[in-house]
Amino acid sequence: MKDFYNRDQDTMIEAIQRNITEEWSSEEKQWEACGSQTKITCAEKYAKESALLACDAYEGVEEGDTLRDEYYFRALPVVEKRIAQGGVRLAVILNQIFSGKNSRLQSM
């Protein structure tokens, strides 16, 4: 955060919000919909997404390695996107709860 956002969490949040409305705007609807037609829950789907990303993120890292700046710089965009996805998905769930339309939540 120090290098990218001058230790300012508000600047990081603004960057993520800007990416949601600009760079990732075409993906936001996909994040809102679980799209699971099988017995797998939405939470399981999201966990599998994270596990796949983690496998890529740690490629070439050995046990006992110290993660350096290049790892951080490579991982930061993925971390920011996962934070954005989690925020969008949480908003959908909260909107459903408070709107009284929670039939989908029972399948989560």
Protein backbone atom coordinates (compact mmCIF):
# COMPACT_ATOMS: atom_id res chain seq x y z
CA MET A 1 0.00 0.00 0.00
CA LYS A 2 2.91 2.31 0.74
CA ASP A 3 4.24 2.23 -2.84
CA PHE A 4 0.93 2.39 -4.68
CA TYR A 5 -1.30 4.47 -2.43
CA ASN A 6 1.07 6.47 -0.24
CA ARG A 7 -0.19 4.55 2.83
CA ASP A 8 -3.69 5.95 2.24
CA GLN A 9 -6.48 3.38 2.48
CA ASP A 10 -9.03 5.84 1.07
CA THR A 11 -6.93 6.14 -2.10
CA MET A 12 -6.89 2.34 -2.42
CA ILE A 13 -10.67 2.19 -2.00
CA GLU A 14 -11.12 4.90 -4.63
CA ALA A 15 -8.91 2.94 -7.04
CA ILE A 16 -10.97 -0.22 -6.54
CA GLN A 17 -14.22 1.72 -6.99
CA ARG A 18 -12.86 3.30 -10.18
CA ASN A 19 -11.91 -0.13 -11.51
CA ILE A 20 -15.40 -1.47 -10.76
CA THR A 21 -17.03 1.35 -12.71
CA GLU A 22 -14.47 1.44 -15.50
CA GLU A 23 -12.04 -1.44 -16.13
CA TRP A 24 -14.16 -4.23 -14.59
CA SER A 25 -17.62 -2.82 -15.39
CA SER A 26 -18.28 -5.48 -18.04
CA GLU A 27 -17.61 -8.21 -15.45
CA GLU A 28 -19.71 -6.85 -12.58
CA LYS A 29 -22.95 -8.60 -13.63
CA GLN A 30 -21.09 -11.93 -13.70
CA TRP A 31 -19.91 -11.31 -10.14
CA GLU A 32 -23.47 -10.60 -9.01
CA ALA A 33 -24.81 -13.90 -10.33
CA CYS A 34 -23.68 -17.13 -8.79
CA GLY A 35 -24.71 -19.02 -11.92
CA SER A 36 -24.49 -22.36 -10.18
CA GLN A 37 -26.81 -24.90 -11.77
CA THR A 38 -25.37 -27.82 -9.82
CA LYS A 39 -25.40 -28.83 -6.18
CA ILE A 40 -22.34 -26.68 -5.57
CA THR A 41 -23.10 -23.58 -3.49
CA CYS A 42 -22.09 -20.07 -4.42
CA ALA A 43 -19.62 -20.02 -1.53
CA GLU A 44 -17.97 -23.18 -2.88
CA LYS A 45 -17.78 -21.61 -6.35
CA TYR A 46 -16.12 -18.48 -4.94
CA ALA A 47 -13.70 -20.56 -2.87
CA LYS A 48 -12.69 -22.55 -5.97
CA GLU A 49 -12.06 -19.28 -7.82
CA SER A 50 -9.77 -18.16 -5.00
CA ALA A 51 -7.97 -21.49 -4.86
CA LEU A 52 -7.23 -21.36 -8.58
CA LEU A 53 -5.93 -17.80 -8.28
CA ALA A 54 -3.79 -18.79 -5.29
CA CYS A 55 -2.22 -21.62 -7.29
CA ASP A 56 -1.19 -19.11 -9.95
CA ALA A 57 -0.05 -16.54 -7.39
CA TYR A 58 2.31 -18.96 -5.65
CA GLU A 59 3.74 -20.51 -8.81
CA GLY A 60 7.49 -20.82 -8.39
CA VAL A 61 7.39 -20.10 -4.65
CA GLU A 62 9.09 -22.69 -2.49
CA GLU A 63 8.49 -23.41 1.18
CA GLY A 64 10.59 -21.06 3.27
CA ASP A 65 10.90 -18.45 0.50
CA THR A 66 10.60 -14.80 1.44
CA LEU A 67 8.09 -13.08 -0.80
CA ARG A 68 9.65 -9.99 -2.33
CA ASP A 69 8.35 -6.90 -4.11
CA GLU A 70 7.92 -8.65 -7.47
CA TYR A 71 5.44 -11.05 -5.84
CA TYR A 72 3.54 -8.18 -4.28
CA PHE A 73 3.42 -6.20 -7.53
CA ARG A 74 2.22 -9.25 -9.43
CA ALA A 75 -0.42 -10.16 -6.82
CA LEU A 76 -1.85 -6.71 -6.07
CA PRO A 77 -4.19 -6.50 -9.09
CA VAL A 78 -5.62 -9.93 -8.26
CA VAL A 79 -6.09 -8.97 -4.59
CA GLU A 80 -7.84 -5.74 -5.54
CA LYS A 81 -10.15 -7.55 -7.94
CA ARG A 82 -11.03 -10.20 -5.33
CA ILE A 83 -11.86 -7.42 -2.83
CA ALA A 84 -14.11 -5.81 -5.44
CA GLN A 85 -15.80 -9.13 -6.27
CA GLY A 86 -16.40 -9.82 -2.59
CA GLY A 87 -17.90 -6.37 -2.11
CA VAL A 88 -20.25 -6.75 -5.08
CA ARG A 89 -21.29 -10.24 -3.99
CA LEU A 90 -21.89 -9.13 -0.40
CA ALA A 91 -23.97 -6.19 -1.65
CA VAL A 92 -26.16 -8.58 -3.67
CA ILE A 93 -26.76 -10.77 -0.62
CA LEU A 94 -27.54 -7.80 1.65
CA ASN A 95 -29.87 -6.29 -0.96
CA GLN A 96 -31.73 -9.60 -1.19
CA ILE A 97 -32.00 -9.92 2.58
CA PHE A 98 -33.32 -6.41 3.10
CA SER A 99 -35.62 -6.44 0.06
CA GLY A 100 -37.35 -9.60 1.25
CA LYS A 101 -36.35 -11.44 -1.95
CA ASN A 102 -34.11 -14.05 -0.37
CA SER A 103 -35.20 -17.23 -2.17
CA ARG A 104 -31.77 -17.40 -3.81
CA LEU A 105 -30.06 -17.15 -0.43
CA GLN A 106 -31.47 -20.48 0.62
CA SER A 107 -29.39 -22.15 -2.09
CA MET A 108 -26.14 -20.49 -0.92
